[in-house]
Structure formats: C-alpha cells, structure tokens
C-alpha atoms as a PDB file:
ATOM      1  CA  MET A   1      -0.074   0.067   0.049  1.00  0.00           C
ATOM      2  CA  PHE A   2       1.289   3.403  -0.988  1.00  0.00           C
ATOM      3  CA  THR A   3       1.688   5.681   2.114  1.00  0.00           C
ATOM      4  CA  GLY A   4       3.631   8.568   0.442  1.00  0.00           C
ATOM      5  CA  PHE A   5       6.966   9.599  -0.785  1.00  0.00           C
ATOM      6  CA  SER A   6       9.256  11.575   1.300  1.00  0.00           C
ATOM      7  CA  GLU A   7      12.000  14.359   1.146  1.00  0.00           C
ATOM      8  CA  LYS A   8      14.476  11.328   1.030  1.00  0.00           C
ATOM      9  CA  THR A   9      12.859  10.131  -2.217  1.00  0.00           C
ATOM     10  CA  GLY A  10      14.050  13.285  -4.104  1.00  0.00           C
ATOM     11  CA  ALA A  11      17.303  13.401  -2.170  1.00  0.00           C
ATOM     12  CA  PHE A  12      18.167   9.952  -3.379  1.00  0.00           C
ATOM     13  CA  LEU A  13      17.385  10.855  -7.011  1.00  0.00           C
ATOM     14  CA  TRP A  14      19.366  13.954  -6.766  1.00  0.00           C
ATOM     15  CA  ASP A  15      22.203  12.124  -5.484  1.00  0.00           C
ATOM     16  CA  LEU A  16      21.973   9.418  -8.150  1.00  0.00           C
ATOM     17  CA  ALA A  17      21.929  12.127 -10.894  1.00  0.00           C
ATOM     18  CA  PHE A  18      25.309  13.364  -9.588  1.00  0.00           C
ATOM     19  CA  ASN A  19      26.734   9.903  -8.698  1.00  0.00           C
ATOM     20  CA  ASN A  20      25.425   7.825 -11.604  1.00  0.00           C
ATOM     21  CA  GLU A  21      27.792   4.905 -11.399  1.00  0.00           C
ATOM     22  CA  ARG A  22      27.388   1.181 -10.242  1.00  0.00           C
ATOM     23  CA  PRO A  23      29.678   1.460  -6.967  1.00  0.00           C
ATOM     24  CA  TRP A  24      27.592   4.363  -5.767  1.00  0.00           C
ATOM     25  CA  PHE A  25      24.331   2.749  -6.554  1.00  0.00           C
ATOM     26  CA  LEU A  26      25.280  -0.596  -4.995  1.00  0.00           C
ATOM     27  CA  ALA A  27      26.512   1.135  -1.776  1.00  0.00           C
ATOM     28  CA  HIS A  28      23.036   2.962  -1.577  1.00  0.00           C
ATOM     29  CA  LYS A  29      20.767   0.327  -2.933  1.00  0.00           C
ATOM     30  CA  GLN A  30      18.768  -0.048   0.337  1.00  0.00           C
ATOM     31  CA  GLU A  31      17.892   3.579   0.155  1.00  0.00           C
ATOM     32  CA  PHE A  32      16.673   3.169  -3.360  1.00  0.00           C
ATOM     33  CA  GLU A  33      14.484   0.254  -2.283  1.00  0.00           C
ATOM     34  CA  ASP A  34      13.214   1.951   0.794  1.00  0.00           C
ATOM     35  CA  PHE A  35      12.647   5.503  -0.417  1.00  0.00           C
ATOM     36  CA  VAL A  36      11.971   5.077  -4.213  1.00  0.00           C
ATOM     37  CA  ASN A  37      11.352   1.679  -5.553  1.00  0.00           C
ATOM     38  CA  THR A  38       9.054   0.297  -2.895  1.00  0.00           C
ATOM     39  CA  PRO A  39       6.783   3.220  -2.784  1.00  0.00           C
ATOM     40  CA  PHE A  40       6.844   3.774  -6.444  1.00  0.00           C
ATOM     41  CA  LYS A  41       5.698   0.190  -7.212  1.00  0.00           C
ATOM     42  CA  ALA A  42       2.913   0.574  -4.392  1.00  0.00           C
ATOM     43  CA  LEU A  43       1.787   3.902  -6.147  1.00  0.00           C
ATOM     44  CA  ALA A  44       1.568   2.230  -9.484  1.00  0.00           C
ATOM     45  CA  GLN A  45      -0.486  -0.735  -8.178  1.00  0.00           C
ATOM     46  CA  ASP A  46      -2.700   1.465  -6.002  1.00  0.00           C
ATOM     47  CA  THR A  47      -3.333   3.894  -8.803  1.00  0.00           C
ATOM     48  CA  TYR A  48      -4.226   1.214 -11.172  1.00  0.00           C
ATOM     49  CA  GLU A  49      -6.717  -0.358  -8.698  1.00  0.00           C
ATOM     50  CA  ARG A  50      -8.265   3.109  -8.085  1.00  0.00           C
ATOM     51  CA  MET A  51      -8.640   3.338 -12.045  1.00  0.00           C
ATOM     52  CA  GLY A  52     -10.630   0.187 -11.835  1.00  0.00           C
ATOM     53  CA  GLU A  53     -12.954   1.637  -9.127  1.00  0.00           C
ATOM     54  CA  ARG A  54     -13.616   4.887 -10.974  1.00  0.00           C
ATOM     55  CA  MET A  55     -13.391   3.662 -14.429  1.00  0.00           C
ATOM     56  CA  PRO A  56     -14.813   0.116 -14.484  1.00  0.00           C
ATOM     57  CA  GLU A  57     -15.171   0.335 -18.440  1.00  0.00           C
ATOM     58  CA  PHE A  58     -11.472   0.757 -18.731  1.00  0.00           C
ATOM     59  CA  GLU A  59      -9.500  -2.312 -20.021  1.00  0.00           C
ATOM     60  CA  GLY A  60      -5.826  -2.010 -19.095  1.00  0.00           C
ATOM     61  CA  ALA A  61      -2.535  -3.157 -17.740  1.00  0.00           C
ATOM     62  CA  VAL A  62       0.113  -1.377 -15.753  1.00  0.00           C
ATOM     63  CA  HIS A  63       3.822  -1.395 -16.556  1.00  0.00           C
ATOM     64  CA  VAL A  64       6.604  -0.020 -14.277  1.00  0.00           C
ATOM     65  CA  SER A  65       9.831   1.292 -15.588  1.00  0.00           C
ATOM     66  CA  ARG A  66      13.044  -0.184 -14.336  1.00  0.00           C
ATOM     67  CA  ILE A  67      15.958   1.990 -12.778  1.00  0.00           C
ATOM     68  CA  TYR A  68      18.383   0.500 -15.200  1.00  0.00           C
ATOM     69  CA  ARG A  69      19.095   2.194 -18.526  1.00  0.00           C
ATOM     70  CA  ASP A  70      19.383  -0.099 -21.750  1.00  0.00           C
ATOM     71  CA  ALA A  71      23.122  -0.606 -21.846  1.00  0.00           C
ATOM     72  CA  ARG A  72      22.874  -0.324 -25.656  1.00  0.00           C
ATOM     73  CA  ARG A  73      21.641   3.236 -25.493  1.00  0.00           C
ATOM     74  CA  LEU A  74      23.608   4.830 -22.634  1.00  0.00           C
ATOM     75  CA  PHE A  75      25.169   7.523 -25.024  1.00  0.00           C
ATOM     76  CA  GLY A  76      27.629   8.638 -22.405  1.00  0.00           C
ATOM     77  CA  ARG A  77      25.064   8.725 -19.629  1.00  0.00           C
ATOM     78  CA  GLY A  78      25.275   6.663 -16.404  1.00  0.00           C
ATOM     79  CA  PRO A  79      23.626   3.221 -16.122  1.00  0.00           C
ATOM     80  CA  TYR A  80      20.821   4.459 -14.065  1.00  0.00           C
ATOM     81  CA  LYS A  81      17.618   6.580 -14.561  1.00  0.00           C
ATOM     82  CA  ASP A  82      17.119   9.491 -12.288  1.00  0.00           C
ATOM     83  CA  HIS A  83      13.386   9.576 -13.331  1.00  0.00           C
ATOM     84  CA  LEU A  84      10.944   6.686 -13.099  1.00  0.00           C
ATOM     85  CA  TRP A  85       7.632   6.296 -14.628  1.00  0.00           C
ATOM     86  CA  PHE A  86       4.689   3.786 -14.966  1.00  0.00           C
ATOM     87  CA  THR A  87       2.253   3.521 -17.645  1.00  0.00           C
ATOM     88  CA  VAL A  88      -1.443   2.230 -17.939  1.00  0.00           C
ATOM     89  CA  ALA A  89      -2.662   1.210 -21.351  1.00  0.00           C
ATOM     90  CA  ASP A  90      -5.355  -0.825 -22.910  1.00  0.00           C
ATOM     91  CA  GLY A  91      -4.512  -4.483 -22.737  1.00  0.00           C
ATOM     92  CA  ARG A  92      -5.461  -5.001 -26.425  1.00  0.00           C
ATOM     93  CA  LEU A  93      -2.801  -2.672 -27.795  1.00  0.00           C
ATOM     94  CA  LYS A  94       0.496  -4.176 -28.589  1.00  0.00           C
ATOM     95  CA  HIS A  95       2.865  -1.544 -29.743  1.00  0.00           C
ATOM     96  CA  GLU A  96       1.185   1.565 -30.460  1.00  0.00           C
ATOM     97  CA  GLY A  97      -1.730   3.523 -28.948  1.00  0.00           C
ATOM     98  CA  PRO A  98      -2.581   5.977 -26.178  1.00  0.00           C
ATOM     99  CA  GLY A  99      -1.857   5.487 -22.599  1.00  0.00           C
ATOM    100  CA  PHE A 100      -1.873   7.017 -19.201  1.00  0.00           C
ATOM    101  CA  TRP A 101       1.469   7.823 -17.456  1.00  0.00           C
ATOM    102  CA  PHE A 102       3.019   8.920 -14.206  1.00  0.00           C
ATOM    103  CA  GLU A 103       6.617  10.123 -13.836  1.00  0.00           C
ATOM    104  CA  LEU A 104       8.731  10.837 -10.790  1.00  0.00           C
ATOM    105  CA  GLY A 105      11.906  13.031 -10.731  1.00  0.00           C
ATOM    106  CA  PRO A 106      14.172  14.449  -8.184  1.00  0.00           C
ATOM    107  CA  SER A 107      12.278  17.590  -7.635  1.00  0.00           C
ATOM    108  CA  ASP A 108       9.010  17.098  -9.305  1.00  0.00           C
ATOM    109  CA  TYR A 109       6.229  14.618 -10.535  1.00  0.00           C
ATOM    110  CA  SER A 110       3.877  14.675 -13.450  1.00  0.00           C
ATOM    111  CA  TYR A 111       1.137  12.652 -14.931  1.00  0.00           C
ATOM    112  CA  GLY A 112      -0.974  12.658 -18.044  1.00  0.00           C
ATOM    113  CA  MET A 113      -1.964  10.749 -21.065  1.00  0.00           C
ATOM    114  CA  GLY A 114      -0.533  10.629 -24.590  1.00  0.00           C
ATOM    115  CA  TYR A 115      -0.350   8.782 -27.923  1.00  0.00           C
ATOM    116  CA  TYR A 116       3.408   8.687 -28.373  1.00  0.00           C
ATOM    117  CA  ASP A 117       5.304   7.269 -31.405  1.00  0.00           C
ATOM    118  CA  ALA A 118       1.938   7.450 -33.384  1.00  0.00           C
ATOM    119  CA  SER A 119       2.544   6.571 -37.043  1.00  0.00           C
ATOM    120  CA  PRO A 120       1.743   9.116 -39.825  1.00  0.00           C
ATOM    121  CA  ALA A 121      -0.874   6.889 -40.942  1.00  0.00           C
ATOM    122  CA  ARG A 122      -2.624   6.763 -37.523  1.00  0.00           C
ATOM    123  CA  MET A 123      -2.265  10.657 -37.168  1.00  0.00           C
ATOM    124  CA  GLU A 124      -4.038  10.890 -40.558  1.00  0.00           C
ATOM    125  CA  VAL A 125      -6.952   8.872 -39.179  1.00  0.00           C
ATOM    126  CA  TYR A 126      -6.774  11.180 -36.169  1.00  0.00           C
ATOM    127  CA  ARG A 127      -7.404  14.223 -38.396  1.00  0.00           C
ATOM    128  CA  ARG A 128     -10.036  12.405 -40.508  1.00  0.00           C
ATOM    129  CA  ASN A 129     -11.970  11.566 -37.262  1.00  0.00           C
ATOM    130  CA  ILE A 130     -11.651  15.296 -36.143  1.00  0.00           C
ATOM    131  CA  ASP A 131     -12.970  16.446 -39.396  1.00  0.00           C
ATOM    132  CA  ALA A 132     -15.951  13.836 -39.424  1.00  0.00           C
ATOM    133  CA  ASN A 133     -17.120  15.410 -36.137  1.00  0.00           C
ATOM    134  CA  PRO A 134     -15.405  18.751 -35.314  1.00  0.00           C
ATOM    135  CA  ALA A 135     -18.152  19.578 -32.726  1.00  0.00           C
ATOM    136  CA  ARG A 136     -17.422  16.499 -30.751  1.00  0.00           C
ATOM    137  CA  PHE A 137     -13.638  17.055 -30.829  1.00  0.00           C
ATOM    138  CA  ARG A 138     -14.013  20.635 -29.690  1.00  0.00           C
ATOM    139  CA  ARG A 139     -16.147  19.496 -26.752  1.00  0.00           C
ATOM    140  CA  LEU A 140     -13.421  17.085 -25.847  1.00  0.00           C
ATOM    141  CA  ILE A 141     -10.431  19.569 -25.854  1.00  0.00           C
ATOM    142  CA  GLU A 142     -12.375  22.348 -24.198  1.00  0.00           C
ATOM    143  CA  ALA A 143     -13.124  20.024 -21.219  1.00  0.00           C
ATOM    144  CA  VAL A 144      -9.369  19.146 -21.136  1.00  0.00           C
ATOM    145  CA  SER A 145      -8.336  22.645 -21.232  1.00  0.00           C
ATOM    146  CA  ARG A 146     -10.968  23.613 -18.535  1.00  0.00           C
ATOM    147  CA  HIS A 147      -9.524  21.123 -16.145  1.00  0.00           C
ATOM    148  CA  GLY A 148      -6.000  22.734 -16.546  1.00  0.00           C
ATOM    149  CA  TRP A 149      -4.294  20.081 -18.653  1.00  0.00           C
ATOM    150  CA  VAL A 150      -1.361  21.292 -20.601  1.00  0.00           C
ATOM    151  CA  LEU A 151      -1.026  20.225 -24.370  1.00  0.00           C
ATOM    152  CA  GLY A 152       2.133  18.501 -25.534  1.00  0.00           C
ATOM    153  CA  GLY A 153       3.334  16.741 -28.655  1.00  0.00           C
ATOM    154  CA  GLU A 154       5.263  17.926 -31.645  1.00  0.00           C
ATOM    155  CA  ALA A 155       3.620  20.134 -34.227  1.00  0.00           C
ATOM    156  CA  TYR A 156       4.194  19.938 -37.992  1.00  0.00           C
ATOM    157  CA  LYS A 157       6.339  22.593 -39.264  1.00  0.00           C
ATOM    158  CA  ARG A 158       3.749  23.145 -42.058  1.00  0.00           C
ATOM    159  CA  PRO A 159       0.305  22.875 -40.633  1.00  0.00           C
ATOM    160  CA  LYS A 160      -2.031  20.329 -42.361  1.00  0.00           C
ATOM    161  CA  ALA A 161      -4.937  22.840 -42.085  1.00  0.00           C
ATOM    162  CA  THR A 162      -6.191  25.854 -40.266  1.00  0.00           C
ATOM    163  CA  HIS A 163      -9.663  26.296 -38.896  1.00  0.00           C
ATOM    164  CA  GLY A 164      -9.460  29.968 -37.515  1.00  0.00           C
ATOM    165  CA  ASP A 165      -9.256  28.801 -33.926  1.00  0.00           C
ATOM    166  CA  ALA A 166      -5.679  28.656 -32.241  1.00  0.00           C
ATOM    167  CA  MET A 167      -6.569  25.968 -29.726  1.00  0.00           C
ATOM    168  CA  PHE A 168      -8.335  23.723 -32.269  1.00  0.00           C
ATOM    169  CA  ASP A 169      -5.408  24.158 -34.774  1.00  0.00           C
ATOM    170  CA  ALA A 170      -2.772  23.352 -32.232  1.00  0.00           C
ATOM    171  CA  TRP A 171      -4.518  19.900 -31.424  1.00  0.00           C
ATOM    172  CA  TYR A 172      -5.062  19.297 -35.212  1.00  0.00           C
ATOM    173  CA  ASN A 173      -1.683  19.897 -36.546  1.00  0.00           C
ATOM    174  CA  LEU A 174       0.371  17.451 -34.273  1.00  0.00           C
ATOM    175  CA  ARG A 175       2.722  14.634 -35.062  1.00  0.00           C
ATOM    176  CA  TRP A 176       1.632  12.908 -31.766  1.00  0.00           C
ATOM    177  CA  VAL A 177      -0.337  13.973 -28.714  1.00  0.00           C
ATOM    178  CA  SER A 178      -0.087  14.293 -25.047  1.00  0.00           C
ATOM    179  CA  VAL A 179      -1.447  16.306 -22.107  1.00  0.00           C
ATOM    180  CA  HIS A 180       0.105  16.643 -18.746  1.00  0.00           C
ATOM    181  CA  LYS A 181       0.066  18.185 -15.285  1.00  0.00           C
ATOM    182  CA  SER A 182       3.291  18.842 -13.232  1.00  0.00           C
ATOM    183  CA  PHE A 183       3.931  19.628  -9.693  1.00  0.00           C
ATOM    184  CA  ASP A 184       6.707  20.167  -7.226  1.00  0.00           C
ATOM    185  CA  LEU A 185       7.675  17.009  -5.306  1.00  0.00           C
ATOM    186  CA  GLY A 186       5.646  17.345  -1.978  1.00  0.00           C
ATOM    187  CA  GLY A 187       2.035  17.929  -1.009  1.00  0.00           C
ATOM    188  CA  ASP A 188      -0.111  14.983  -2.222  1.00  0.00           C
ATOM    189  CA  ALA A 189       3.023  13.032  -3.172  1.00  0.00           C
ATOM    190  CA  TYR A 190       3.972  12.808   0.574  1.00  0.00           C
ATOM    191  CA  THR A 191       0.410  11.281   1.398  1.00  0.00           C
ATOM    192  CA  ASP A 192      -1.551   8.129   0.769  1.00  0.00           C
ATOM    193  CA  ALA A 193      -4.025  10.375  -1.187  1.00  0.00           C
ATOM    194  CA  LEU A 194      -1.860  10.449  -4.343  1.00  0.00           C
ATOM    195  CA  PRO A 195      -3.305   7.192  -6.057  1.00  0.00           C
ATOM    196  CA  GLY A 196      -6.824   8.639  -5.788  1.00  0.00           C
ATOM    197  CA  VAL A 197      -5.710  12.091  -6.887  1.00  0.00           C
ATOM    198  CA  VAL A 198      -4.014  10.676 -10.001  1.00  0.00           C
ATOM    199  CA  ALA A 199      -6.883   8.222 -10.900  1.00  0.00           C
ATOM    200  CA  ASP A 200      -9.501  11.156 -10.591  1.00  0.00           C
ATOM    201  CA  ALA A 201      -7.207  13.285 -12.857  1.00  0.00           C
ATOM    202  CA  TRP A 202      -7.038  10.508 -15.396  1.00  0.00           C
ATOM    203  CA  ARG A 203     -10.773   9.965 -15.339  1.00  0.00           C
ATOM    204  CA  GLU A 204     -11.007  13.683 -16.704  1.00  0.00           C
ATOM    205  CA  LEU A 205      -9.192  12.305 -19.746  1.00  0.00           C
ATOM    206  CA  LEU A 206     -11.174   9.243 -20.499  1.00  0.00           C
ATOM    207  CA  PRO A 207     -13.391  10.655 -23.171  1.00  0.00           C
ATOM    208  CA  LEU A 208     -10.309  11.957 -25.061  1.00  0.00           C
ATOM    209  CA  TYR A 209      -8.538   8.648 -24.322  1.00  0.00           C
ATOM    210  CA  GLN A 210     -11.429   6.864 -25.785  1.00  0.00           C
ATOM    211  CA  PHE A 211     -11.369   9.134 -28.968  1.00  0.00           C
ATOM    212  CA  LEU A 212      -7.668   8.227 -29.456  1.00  0.00           C
ATOM    213  CA  LEU A 213      -8.304   4.514 -28.703  1.00  0.00           C
ATOM    214  CA  GLU A 214     -10.982   4.414 -31.661  1.00  0.00           C
ATOM    215  CA  ILE A 215      -8.102   5.369 -33.932  1.00  0.00           C
ATOM    216  CA  CYS A 216      -6.162   2.313 -33.004  1.00  0.00           C
ATOM    217  CA  LEU A 217      -9.010  -0.166 -32.824  1.00  0.00           C
ATOM    218  CA  SER A 218     -10.789   0.929 -35.973  1.00  0.00           C
END
C-alpha cells in the first residue's frame, strides 16, 4: 500500500543524478529500495486499482519502468535513470496506442495521457476523425483545457490545415498528442491520497483517451 514519498525520495534521485555509477548505487541500494522503488511500485499498483474503481469500463494493464538504462543506449550517460515512470494502457494494444502515465523526478512529478510514437498513418486517421465530427472534438479539448491540462506533442512545421481557432489548430496539427500536469515534489506526493488524486485526474481524460483509442482499434 502506498503511504507517500518523502524528502528522502527526491534526495536519493538527486544524489543518483550526480553519482550515476554502479559502485555508488550498490552502496546505496537499500535507500533506493526504501525511499524510491518500494513506494513507487506501490503507487503504480494502487493507482491502477483506483482506476478500476473509478473507470470500470477501462481495460488496461500497468507497466513500471526499471531503474536501469538500456546498456545499448547509454550515449555517455550513467547506467541508471534519475526519473521513473509507470504507464497504464489498454491490454488489447501491442506496440502503438494511447496510454496514461506517471513520472517521478528528483524535484517534481507529473502525470498525463499521450499517444506517443504514433505513425503518420494513424495521425491521418486522427485528423479524419476530427474532420468527421469537429463539434465532438471541440467539446473534448475544451473540457481538457478547462481542467487545466497542458497540451504537449510535436507540431508539424507546415500545418496540415487551419480552422481559424488557435486551440483547435494546435491539436489538429500534431505529429503525436499528449497532455500533462506537473507539480513540485511534495504535497499530495507525501500522502496516501496520491493514487486517488491521479486516478481522478485520469478520469477527466477518459473521453479523449477513448477518442484516441478508436483510432487504433478501427
């Protein structure tokens, strides 16, 4: 059960960022287990369970990242990550599709939902679905904005189309889509309330998630 992170959580991740080498990590591995790994895995599981309570129609599976970087992709960096994340995505999706995520860093945490690594063909379907019912899509993105979610994603250098509405066009002309909220490490993160807070926030995104899921399952 998740009971909260602590100041020692951020302190360990800061120390790891500046001492990213195997001997240091092995000497401090128990701190990693106590202050980072154990509560983080508990958060992932508890948040997933809260999702089931709040969104019984959601079909998903949770995946927790490992602290170890892929040795083939270090590119001069140390062997350990100083940020951890977990994702929750529809169990029917294999390699591509929308998913919810939570990320923990040395000084902050964030969560959101995104459709990353979307193929050009899928994003073409995304735009066709928007064009088929622009009123529905406008309601979706207005609700997301009203709840304070920040739009992410990479925009095309040359817009695919313009509709005379800056917010609508920002969503329309993306290579991939994401929304997020970010917070300083502390507050809810230091309490057992965090799984419920994240699950409630993700529930706000469910209509948009379902819109993106339709693209993958069509």
